[in-house]
């Protein structure tokens, strides 16, 4: 054989090289998945707040520029995860509001345990198609709240229903919606789409 012929690696060397490449790819995939796992909750939360996906109310910064004569009833539903000994109670079970009218409702949060606990509230709107019209100006949701044993606090929710809701033909006969909150220990906060399995309804 000519000395100028290319050198081909031995079979054992080719197998070892393929094994190294496969291992590097696996490490890269695992690292990427871990990164996505840590980022998934905040990214999901941001996506839902911008789009109203899964019944998540939109995050607003200013009050509505117009107010409609059409009225709708907003009911409040509160839930507590089994892993936290808290109570959450709205000051009223429901409010009637005009589309575009700013409303403020306070929720009483109480730590029922004998130790300090940090909790977080998640929320959604039902029917979930209405998440794109429920605009939240201020909310205690996704904010960590630490309460001492037996301590209570009042947390406000400021919101309005976008007047463009009245333009939707499918909603012409709809006269109510439900805003639901669920309390979790801060370390266990979940995306709103995973709340369906939570039991332990409280406060209504």
C-alpha atoms as a PDB file:
ATOM      1  CA  UNK A   1       0.000   0.000   0.000  1.00  0.00           C
ATOM      2  CA  UNK A   2       1.288   3.502  -0.861  1.00  0.00           C
ATOM      3  CA  UNK A   3       2.566   5.684   1.970  1.00  0.00           C
ATOM      4  CA  UNK A   4       0.313   8.494   0.588  1.00  0.00           C
ATOM      5  CA  UNK A   5      -2.920   6.564   1.311  1.00  0.00           C
ATOM      6  CA  UNK A   6      -5.067   8.161   4.054  1.00  0.00           C
ATOM      7  CA  UNK A   7      -4.821   6.587   7.457  1.00  0.00           C
ATOM      8  CA  UNK A   8      -8.130   5.046   8.592  1.00  0.00           C
ATOM      9  CA  UNK A   9      -8.685   4.643  12.320  1.00  0.00           C
ATOM     10  CA  UNK A  10      -8.841   1.136  13.633  1.00  0.00           C
ATOM     11  CA  UNK A  11     -12.308  -0.295  14.333  1.00  0.00           C
ATOM     12  CA  UNK A  12     -11.792  -0.055  18.090  1.00  0.00           C
ATOM     13  CA  UNK A  13     -10.796   3.606  17.736  1.00  0.00           C
ATOM     14  CA  UNK A  14     -13.916   4.392  15.666  1.00  0.00           C
ATOM     15  CA  UNK A  15     -16.163   2.738  18.262  1.00  0.00           C
ATOM     16  CA  UNK A  16     -14.539   4.702  21.074  1.00  0.00           C
ATOM     17  CA  UNK A  17     -14.934   7.965  19.138  1.00  0.00           C
ATOM     18  CA  UNK A  18     -18.626   7.319  18.490  1.00  0.00           C
ATOM     19  CA  UNK A  19     -19.123   6.530  22.185  1.00  0.00           C
ATOM     20  CA  UNK A  20     -17.484   9.820  23.197  1.00  0.00           C
ATOM     21  CA  UNK A  21     -19.622  11.793  20.732  1.00  0.00           C
ATOM     22  CA  UNK A  22     -22.798  10.096  21.964  1.00  0.00           C
ATOM     23  CA  UNK A  23     -21.888  10.857  25.580  1.00  0.00           C
ATOM     24  CA  UNK A  24     -21.263  14.534  24.763  1.00  0.00           C
ATOM     25  CA  UNK A  25     -24.628  14.802  22.999  1.00  0.00           C
ATOM     26  CA  UNK A  26     -26.412  13.211  25.970  1.00  0.00           C
ATOM     27  CA  UNK A  27     -24.730  15.607  28.396  1.00  0.00           C
ATOM     28  CA  UNK A  28     -25.788  18.547  26.225  1.00  0.00           C
ATOM     29  CA  UNK A  29     -29.386  17.358  26.047  1.00  0.00           C
ATOM     30  CA  UNK A  30     -29.582  16.835  29.822  1.00  0.00           C
ATOM     31  CA  UNK A  31     -28.099  20.291  30.482  1.00  0.00           C
ATOM     32  CA  UNK A  32     -30.599  21.878  28.103  1.00  0.00           C
ATOM     33  CA  UNK A  33     -33.528  20.088  29.733  1.00  0.00           C
ATOM     34  CA  UNK A  34     -32.417  21.230  33.191  1.00  0.00           C
ATOM     35  CA  UNK A  35     -32.189  24.806  31.964  1.00  0.00           C
ATOM     36  CA  UNK A  36     -35.680  24.636  30.500  1.00  0.00           C
ATOM     37  CA  UNK A  37     -37.034  23.124  33.698  1.00  0.00           C
ATOM     38  CA  UNK A  38     -35.749  26.041  35.781  1.00  0.00           C
ATOM     39  CA  UNK A  39     -37.054  28.601  33.256  1.00  0.00           C
ATOM     40  CA  UNK A  40     -40.378  26.933  32.438  1.00  0.00           C
ATOM     41  CA  UNK A  41     -42.507  28.342  35.285  1.00  0.00           C
ATOM     42  CA  UNK A  42     -41.557  32.036  34.881  1.00  0.00           C
ATOM     43  CA  UNK A  43     -41.696  31.771  31.076  1.00  0.00           C
ATOM     44  CA  UNK A  44     -45.084  30.033  31.222  1.00  0.00           C
ATOM     45  CA  UNK A  45     -46.346  32.666  33.662  1.00  0.00           C
ATOM     46  CA  UNK A  46     -45.181  35.528  31.413  1.00  0.00           C
ATOM     47  CA  UNK A  47     -46.692  33.892  28.317  1.00  0.00           C
ATOM     48  CA  UNK A  48     -50.058  33.440  30.054  1.00  0.00           C
ATOM     49  CA  UNK A  49     -50.134  36.998  31.404  1.00  0.00           C
ATOM     50  CA  UNK A  50     -49.467  38.431  27.939  1.00  0.00           C
ATOM     51  CA  UNK A  51     -51.888  36.209  26.015  1.00  0.00           C
ATOM     52  CA  UNK A  52     -54.582  35.244  28.531  1.00  0.00           C
ATOM     53  CA  UNK A  53     -53.812  31.575  27.825  1.00  0.00           C
ATOM     54  CA  UNK A  54     -55.378  28.962  30.160  1.00  0.00           C
ATOM     55  CA  UNK A  55     -57.651  31.584  31.679  1.00  0.00           C
ATOM     56  CA  UNK A  56     -54.779  33.691  33.030  1.00  0.00           C
ATOM     57  CA  UNK A  57     -55.822  37.367  33.445  1.00  0.00           C
ATOM     58  CA  UNK A  58     -53.849  39.875  31.422  1.00  0.00           C
ATOM     59  CA  UNK A  59     -51.411  42.151  33.239  1.00  0.00           C
ATOM     60  CA  UNK A  60     -52.359  45.802  32.702  1.00  0.00           C
ATOM     61  CA  UNK A  61     -50.764  49.095  33.742  1.00  0.00           C
ATOM     62  CA  UNK A  62     -53.527  51.668  33.140  1.00  0.00           C
ATOM     63  CA  UNK A  63     -57.272  51.792  33.617  1.00  0.00           C
ATOM     64  CA  UNK A  64     -59.611  51.271  30.695  1.00  0.00           C
ATOM     65  CA  UNK A  65     -60.176  54.296  28.455  1.00  0.00           C
ATOM     66  CA  UNK A  66     -63.898  53.530  28.173  1.00  0.00           C
ATOM     67  CA  UNK A  67     -66.702  52.027  30.241  1.00  0.00           C
ATOM     68  CA  UNK A  68     -69.619  50.107  28.735  1.00  0.00           C
ATOM     69  CA  UNK A  69     -73.181  49.960  30.035  1.00  0.00           C
ATOM     70  CA  UNK A  70     -73.100  46.176  29.878  1.00  0.00           C
ATOM     71  CA  UNK A  71     -72.744  44.543  33.271  1.00  0.00           C
ATOM     72  CA  UNK A  72     -71.198  41.236  34.279  1.00  0.00           C
ATOM     73  CA  UNK A  73     -70.904  39.416  37.602  1.00  0.00           C
ATOM     74  CA  UNK A  74     -67.408  38.416  38.744  1.00  0.00           C
ATOM     75  CA  UNK A  75     -67.466  35.570  41.267  1.00  0.00           C
ATOM     76  CA  UNK A  76     -64.497  34.747  43.507  1.00  0.00           C
ATOM     77  CA  UNK A  77     -63.370  31.201  44.203  1.00  0.00           C
ATOM     78  CA  UNK A  78     -60.583  30.403  46.677  1.00  0.00           C
ATOM     79  CA  UNK A  79     -58.639  27.190  47.208  1.00  0.00           C
ATOM     80  CA  UNK A  80     -55.770  26.077  49.424  1.00  0.00           C
ATOM     81  CA  UNK A  81     -53.250  23.361  48.580  1.00  0.00           C
ATOM     82  CA  UNK A  82     -53.122  20.547  51.178  1.00  0.00           C
ATOM     83  CA  UNK A  83     -49.462  21.340  51.883  1.00  0.00           C
ATOM     84  CA  UNK A  84     -50.131  24.782  53.388  1.00  0.00           C
ATOM     85  CA  UNK A  85     -52.248  25.608  56.464  1.00  0.00           C
ATOM     86  CA  UNK A  86     -53.632  28.900  55.237  1.00  0.00           C
ATOM     87  CA  UNK A  87     -57.072  30.355  54.690  1.00  0.00           C
ATOM     88  CA  UNK A  88     -57.983  32.775  51.896  1.00  0.00           C
ATOM     89  CA  UNK A  89     -61.334  34.591  51.977  1.00  0.00           C
ATOM     90  CA  UNK A  90     -62.597  37.372  49.663  1.00  0.00           C
ATOM     91  CA  UNK A  91     -64.388  40.321  51.283  1.00  0.00           C
ATOM     92  CA  UNK A  92     -67.390  39.502  49.088  1.00  0.00           C
ATOM     93  CA  UNK A  93     -68.293  36.349  47.132  1.00  0.00           C
ATOM     94  CA  UNK A  94     -69.041  38.338  43.949  1.00  0.00           C
ATOM     95  CA  UNK A  95     -69.236  41.841  42.455  1.00  0.00           C
ATOM     96  CA  UNK A  96     -71.303  43.180  39.592  1.00  0.00           C
ATOM     97  CA  UNK A  97     -69.329  45.510  37.346  1.00  0.00           C
ATOM     98  CA  UNK A  98     -69.634  47.325  34.068  1.00  0.00           C
ATOM     99  CA  UNK A  99     -67.195  46.450  31.293  1.00  0.00           C
ATOM    100  CA  UNK A 100     -64.170  48.735  31.594  1.00  0.00           C
ATOM    101  CA  UNK A 101     -65.004  49.764  35.177  1.00  0.00           C
ATOM    102  CA  UNK A 102     -62.112  49.394  37.637  1.00  0.00           C
ATOM    103  CA  UNK A 103     -62.912  47.312  40.712  1.00  0.00           C
ATOM    104  CA  UNK A 104     -60.938  46.674  43.906  1.00  0.00           C
ATOM    105  CA  UNK A 105     -61.593  43.598  46.038  1.00  0.00           C
ATOM    106  CA  UNK A 106     -59.641  42.613  49.159  1.00  0.00           C
ATOM    107  CA  UNK A 107     -58.772  39.053  50.141  1.00  0.00           C
ATOM    108  CA  UNK A 108     -57.951  38.088  53.720  1.00  0.00           C
ATOM    109  CA  UNK A 109     -54.987  35.715  53.986  1.00  0.00           C
ATOM    110  CA  UNK A 110     -54.498  33.889  57.289  1.00  0.00           C
ATOM    111  CA  UNK A 111     -51.760  31.530  58.453  1.00  0.00           C
ATOM    112  CA  UNK A 112     -53.605  28.862  60.446  1.00  0.00           C
ATOM    113  CA  UNK A 113     -50.429  27.052  61.564  1.00  0.00           C
ATOM    114  CA  UNK A 114     -48.214  27.601  64.610  1.00  0.00           C
ATOM    115  CA  UNK A 115     -45.098  28.471  62.584  1.00  0.00           C
ATOM    116  CA  UNK A 116     -44.219  31.250  60.094  1.00  0.00           C
ATOM    117  CA  UNK A 117     -45.129  30.241  56.528  1.00  0.00           C
ATOM    118  CA  UNK A 118     -44.429  31.844  53.154  1.00  0.00           C
ATOM    119  CA  UNK A 119     -47.200  31.362  50.600  1.00  0.00           C
ATOM    120  CA  UNK A 120     -47.865  32.257  46.992  1.00  0.00           C
ATOM    121  CA  UNK A 121     -51.209  32.583  45.217  1.00  0.00           C
ATOM    122  CA  UNK A 122     -51.816  31.540  41.625  1.00  0.00           C
ATOM    123  CA  UNK A 123     -54.984  32.372  39.728  1.00  0.00           C
ATOM    124  CA  UNK A 124     -57.086  31.890  36.603  1.00  0.00           C
ATOM    125  CA  UNK A 125     -60.415  32.862  35.069  1.00  0.00           C
ATOM    126  CA  UNK A 126     -63.265  30.579  34.033  1.00  0.00           C
ATOM    127  CA  UNK A 127     -64.459  30.187  31.335  1.00  0.00           C
ATOM    128  CA  UNK A 128     -60.801  30.253  30.345  1.00  0.00           C
ATOM    129  CA  UNK A 129     -61.528  32.089  27.048  1.00  0.00           C
ATOM    130  CA  UNK A 130     -62.238  35.157  29.169  1.00  0.00           C
ATOM    131  CA  UNK A 131     -58.648  35.355  30.418  1.00  0.00           C
ATOM    132  CA  UNK A 132     -57.909  37.543  27.398  1.00  0.00           C
ATOM    133  CA  UNK A 133     -60.451  40.141  28.640  1.00  0.00           C
ATOM    134  CA  UNK A 134     -59.783  40.120  32.389  1.00  0.00           C
ATOM    135  CA  UNK A 135     -57.163  42.821  32.974  1.00  0.00           C
ATOM    136  CA  UNK A 136     -55.339  42.774  36.323  1.00  0.00           C
ATOM    137  CA  UNK A 137     -53.920  46.150  37.418  1.00  0.00           C
ATOM    138  CA  UNK A 138     -52.787  45.033  40.884  1.00  0.00           C
ATOM    139  CA  UNK A 139     -52.715  41.607  42.476  1.00  0.00           C
ATOM    140  CA  UNK A 140     -51.038  39.653  45.262  1.00  0.00           C
ATOM    141  CA  UNK A 141     -50.699  36.657  42.929  1.00  0.00           C
ATOM    142  CA  UNK A 142     -47.181  35.254  42.409  1.00  0.00           C
ATOM    143  CA  UNK A 143     -45.910  37.500  45.221  1.00  0.00           C
ATOM    144  CA  UNK A 144     -44.459  35.686  48.222  1.00  0.00           C
ATOM    145  CA  UNK A 145     -46.269  36.553  51.458  1.00  0.00           C
ATOM    146  CA  UNK A 146     -44.837  35.521  54.822  1.00  0.00           C
ATOM    147  CA  UNK A 147     -47.236  35.337  57.767  1.00  0.00           C
ATOM    148  CA  UNK A 148     -46.465  34.480  61.375  1.00  0.00           C
ATOM    149  CA  UNK A 149     -48.503  31.955  63.405  1.00  0.00           C
ATOM    150  CA  UNK A 150     -52.169  33.003  63.318  1.00  0.00           C
ATOM    151  CA  UNK A 151     -51.327  36.219  61.468  1.00  0.00           C
ATOM    152  CA  UNK A 152     -53.673  37.701  58.853  1.00  0.00           C
ATOM    153  CA  UNK A 153     -53.300  40.316  56.141  1.00  0.00           C
ATOM    154  CA  UNK A 154     -55.575  41.934  53.547  1.00  0.00           C
ATOM    155  CA  UNK A 155     -54.359  41.869  49.952  1.00  0.00           C
ATOM    156  CA  UNK A 156     -56.047  43.857  47.146  1.00  0.00           C
ATOM    157  CA  UNK A 157     -56.936  42.785  43.630  1.00  0.00           C
ATOM    158  CA  UNK A 158     -57.581  45.653  41.178  1.00  0.00           C
ATOM    159  CA  UNK A 159     -59.053  44.721  37.809  1.00  0.00           C
ATOM    160  CA  UNK A 160     -61.449  45.509  34.981  1.00  0.00           C
ATOM    161  CA  UNK A 161     -63.110  43.589  32.144  1.00  0.00           C
ATOM    162  CA  UNK A 162     -61.979  44.832  28.735  1.00  0.00           C
ATOM    163  CA  UNK A 163     -64.951  46.539  26.988  1.00  0.00           C
ATOM    164  CA  UNK A 164     -64.039  44.730  23.740  1.00  0.00           C
ATOM    165  CA  UNK A 165     -65.519  41.670  25.429  1.00  0.00           C
ATOM    166  CA  UNK A 166     -68.892  43.056  24.316  1.00  0.00           C
ATOM    167  CA  UNK A 167     -67.866  42.677  20.652  1.00  0.00           C
ATOM    168  CA  UNK A 168     -67.546  38.897  20.903  1.00  0.00           C
ATOM    169  CA  UNK A 169     -70.651  37.268  19.442  1.00  0.00           C
ATOM    170  CA  UNK A 170     -70.058  34.028  21.370  1.00  0.00           C
ATOM    171  CA  UNK A 171     -70.228  35.919  24.696  1.00  0.00           C
ATOM    172  CA  UNK A 172     -73.412  37.918  24.082  1.00  0.00           C
ATOM    173  CA  UNK A 173     -75.421  35.864  26.570  1.00  0.00           C
ATOM    174  CA  UNK A 174     -72.626  35.391  29.129  1.00  0.00           C
ATOM    175  CA  UNK A 175     -73.411  37.296  32.306  1.00  0.00           C
ATOM    176  CA  UNK A 176     -70.799  35.999  34.792  1.00  0.00           C
ATOM    177  CA  UNK A 177     -67.246  34.717  35.171  1.00  0.00           C
ATOM    178  CA  UNK A 178     -65.211  33.238  38.011  1.00  0.00           C
ATOM    179  CA  UNK A 179     -61.813  34.418  39.239  1.00  0.00           C
ATOM    180  CA  UNK A 180     -60.105  31.571  41.135  1.00  0.00           C
ATOM    181  CA  UNK A 181     -57.146  31.792  43.509  1.00  0.00           C
ATOM    182  CA  UNK A 182     -55.148  28.906  44.964  1.00  0.00           C
ATOM    183  CA  UNK A 183     -52.591  29.245  47.760  1.00  0.00           C
ATOM    184  CA  UNK A 184     -49.391  27.171  47.716  1.00  0.00           C
ATOM    185  CA  UNK A 185     -46.238  27.080  49.822  1.00  0.00           C
ATOM    186  CA  UNK A 186     -43.799  29.386  48.012  1.00  0.00           C
ATOM    187  CA  UNK A 187     -41.517  26.493  47.083  1.00  0.00           C
ATOM    188  CA  UNK A 188     -44.358  24.557  45.426  1.00  0.00           C
ATOM    189  CA  UNK A 189     -45.867  27.222  43.137  1.00  0.00           C
ATOM    190  CA  UNK A 190     -47.271  25.729  39.905  1.00  0.00           C
ATOM    191  CA  UNK A 191     -48.402  27.082  36.529  1.00  0.00           C
ATOM    192  CA  UNK A 192     -52.108  27.882  36.469  1.00  0.00           C
ATOM    193  CA  UNK A 193     -52.893  25.083  34.010  1.00  0.00           C
ATOM    194  CA  UNK A 194     -52.025  22.546  36.734  1.00  0.00           C
ATOM    195  CA  UNK A 195     -54.523  23.822  39.295  1.00  0.00           C
ATOM    196  CA  UNK A 196     -57.414  21.620  38.176  1.00  0.00           C
ATOM    197  CA  UNK A 197     -56.400  18.802  40.520  1.00  0.00           C
ATOM    198  CA  UNK A 198     -56.203  20.927  43.661  1.00  0.00           C
ATOM    199  CA  UNK A 199     -58.847  20.198  46.256  1.00  0.00           C
ATOM    200  CA  UNK A 200     -59.580  21.773  49.616  1.00  0.00           C
ATOM    201  CA  UNK A 201     -61.925  24.599  48.571  1.00  0.00           C
ATOM    202  CA  UNK A 202     -62.050  27.236  51.257  1.00  0.00           C
ATOM    203  CA  UNK A 203     -63.648  30.546  52.049  1.00  0.00           C
ATOM    204  CA  UNK A 204     -66.788  30.476  49.831  1.00  0.00           C
END
